[in-house]
Amino acid sequence: MLLYSADLDRTLTAVTSAGGRVVNGPYEFPGGRRFHFQDPSGNELGVWSEA
């Protein structure tokens, strides 16, 4: 699942503060930036932003 964020850096901080573990990124891709993380249950999710 891929989620949208208006502020990727703020979302990254919130994810890690809540126990998520970043597994890839943040990185640039055509159209914005994104990162992937695992939640405390082990589910992998992605977050992207236009800037």
Protein backbone atom coordinates (compact mmCIF):
# COMPACT_ATOMS: atom_id res chain seq x y z
CA MET A 1 0.00 0.00 0.00
CA LEU A 2 1.25 3.48 -0.85
CA LEU A 3 0.11 6.50 1.17
CA TYR A 4 0.37 10.22 0.33
CA SER A 5 1.90 12.86 2.61
CA ALA A 6 2.03 16.62 2.14
CA ASP A 7 5.21 16.68 4.31
CA LEU A 8 7.36 13.59 3.81
CA ASP A 9 10.00 14.51 6.39
CA ARG A 10 7.42 15.11 9.09
CA THR A 11 5.71 11.83 8.25
CA LEU A 12 9.04 9.99 8.41
CA THR A 13 9.60 11.36 11.92
CA ALA A 14 6.07 10.36 12.99
CA VAL A 15 6.47 6.84 11.59
CA THR A 16 9.75 6.20 13.39
CA SER A 17 8.44 7.76 16.61
CA ALA A 18 5.49 5.36 16.50
CA GLY A 19 7.75 2.30 16.19
CA GLY A 20 7.95 1.97 12.41
CA ARG A 21 11.24 0.88 10.82
CA VAL A 22 12.34 2.52 7.55
CA VAL A 23 13.42 -0.14 5.07
CA ASN A 24 14.06 2.03 1.98
CA GLY A 25 14.58 5.74 1.44
CA PRO A 26 13.69 8.47 1.45
CA TYR A 27 14.61 8.68 -2.21
CA GLU A 28 13.75 10.75 -5.28
CA PHE A 29 11.59 9.33 -8.04
CA PRO A 30 9.90 10.98 -11.05
CA GLY A 31 7.17 13.13 -9.52
CA GLY A 32 8.46 13.39 -5.96
CA ARG A 33 10.05 11.55 -3.05
CA ARG A 34 9.12 8.42 -1.11
CA PHE A 35 10.12 5.96 1.56
CA HIS A 36 9.04 2.48 2.62
CA PHE A 37 8.67 1.26 6.18
CA GLN A 38 7.49 -1.68 8.25
CA ASP A 39 4.94 -1.06 10.96
CA PRO A 40 5.38 -2.78 14.36
CA SER A 41 3.36 -5.76 13.05
CA GLY A 42 5.73 -6.23 10.09
CA ASN A 43 3.47 -4.86 7.35
CA GLU A 44 5.36 -2.90 4.68
CA LEU A 45 3.92 0.41 3.52
CA GLY A 46 5.17 3.28 1.39
CA VAL A 47 4.70 7.02 1.69
CA TRP A 48 5.17 9.48 -1.16
CA SER A 49 5.14 13.26 -1.55
CA GLU A 50 5.19 15.54 -4.57
CA ALA A 51 8.05 17.67 -3.21
